[in-house]
Amino acid sequence: MKIDTNNLVSITEANQNFSQVAKKVDRSGTVVILKNNKPQYLVSKFNEDNFSTEMQMLTVIAKMILTEHAKAFKELAQ
């Protein structure tokens, strides 16, 4: 993933002026927030279609994990 240096924001700046971060996200789609000069957070526009797809994927993965480890979960529940 390529990161545009114009979309890097310190955590201090984000904390003090989040509306500017939101405006950058509106323009570019994403902003990377740095903590101790290292990428720590990614702020992006909410996309309902992507969210729905991601939730469906998470549901499938969760079902697979629960099915695969059902015996262990039952023992833990006792």
Protein backbone atom coordinates (compact mmCIF):
# COMPACT_ATOMS: atom_id res chain seq x y z
CA MET A 1 0.00 0.00 0.00
CA LYS A 2 1.39 3.39 -0.97
CA ILE A 3 1.03 6.17 1.58
CA ASP A 4 0.78 9.79 0.51
CA THR A 5 2.91 11.81 2.93
CA ASN A 6 0.28 14.56 2.77
CA ASN A 7 -2.06 12.14 4.54
CA LEU A 8 0.20 11.54 7.55
CA VAL A 9 -0.99 13.18 10.76
CA SER A 10 0.51 13.05 14.24
CA ILE A 11 -1.70 11.73 17.00
CA THR A 12 -1.36 15.11 18.74
CA GLU A 13 -2.63 16.94 15.67
CA ALA A 14 -5.47 14.45 15.23
CA ASN A 15 -6.44 14.85 18.87
CA GLN A 16 -6.39 18.64 18.75
CA ASN A 17 -8.07 19.08 15.38
CA PHE A 18 -9.95 15.99 14.27
CA SER A 19 -12.13 17.99 11.87
CA GLN A 20 -9.01 18.62 9.75
CA VAL A 21 -8.31 14.88 9.73
CA ALA A 22 -11.89 14.25 8.61
CA LYS A 23 -11.50 16.79 5.79
CA LYS A 24 -8.32 15.03 4.62
CA VAL A 25 -10.19 11.71 4.67
CA ASP A 26 -12.99 13.28 2.61
CA ARG A 27 -10.44 14.43 0.02
CA SER A 28 -8.20 11.38 -0.14
CA GLY A 29 -10.15 8.48 1.31
CA THR A 30 -7.66 7.63 4.07
CA VAL A 31 -5.35 9.24 6.61
CA VAL A 32 -2.60 7.54 8.60
CA ILE A 33 -2.18 8.73 12.18
CA LEU A 34 1.33 8.46 13.55
CA LYS A 35 2.18 7.67 17.16
CA ASN A 36 5.83 8.12 18.11
CA ASN A 37 6.55 8.72 14.41
CA LYS A 38 5.24 5.27 13.47
CA PRO A 39 2.01 4.48 11.59
CA GLN A 40 -0.47 3.45 14.25
CA TYR A 41 -4.01 4.09 12.97
CA LEU A 42 -5.75 4.23 9.63
CA VAL A 43 -8.80 6.47 9.33
CA SER A 44 -10.94 5.85 6.27
CA LYS A 45 -14.36 6.72 4.93
CA PHE A 46 -17.12 4.39 5.96
CA ASN A 47 -18.44 2.40 3.05
CA GLU A 48 -21.64 0.55 3.84
CA ASP A 49 -21.17 -1.96 1.00
CA ASN A 50 -17.67 -2.89 2.17
CA PHE A 51 -18.80 -3.05 5.79
CA SER A 52 -21.57 -5.50 4.92
CA THR A 53 -19.17 -7.70 2.95
CA GLU A 54 -16.59 -7.63 5.73
CA MET A 55 -19.20 -8.54 8.33
CA GLN A 56 -20.30 -11.48 6.18
CA MET A 57 -16.70 -12.65 5.92
CA LEU A 58 -16.20 -12.33 9.68
CA THR A 59 -19.37 -14.31 10.30
CA VAL A 60 -18.15 -17.14 8.06
CA ILE A 61 -14.74 -17.16 9.73
CA ALA A 62 -16.29 -17.13 13.21
CA LYS A 63 -18.52 -20.09 12.31
CA MET A 64 -15.51 -21.99 10.98
CA ILE A 65 -13.55 -21.38 14.19
CA LEU A 66 -16.49 -22.31 16.42
CA THR A 67 -17.13 -25.48 14.44
CA GLU A 68 -13.49 -26.52 14.38
CA HIS A 69 -12.99 -25.93 18.11
CA ALA A 70 -16.48 -26.76 19.42
CA LYS A 71 -15.20 -29.43 21.81
CA ALA A 72 -12.71 -27.04 23.43
CA PHE A 73 -15.34 -24.30 23.77
CA LYS A 74 -17.76 -26.75 25.43
CA GLU A 75 -15.09 -27.81 27.91
CA LEU A 76 -14.27 -24.18 28.70
CA ALA A 77 -17.94 -23.42 29.27
CA GLN A 78 -18.21 -25.98 32.08
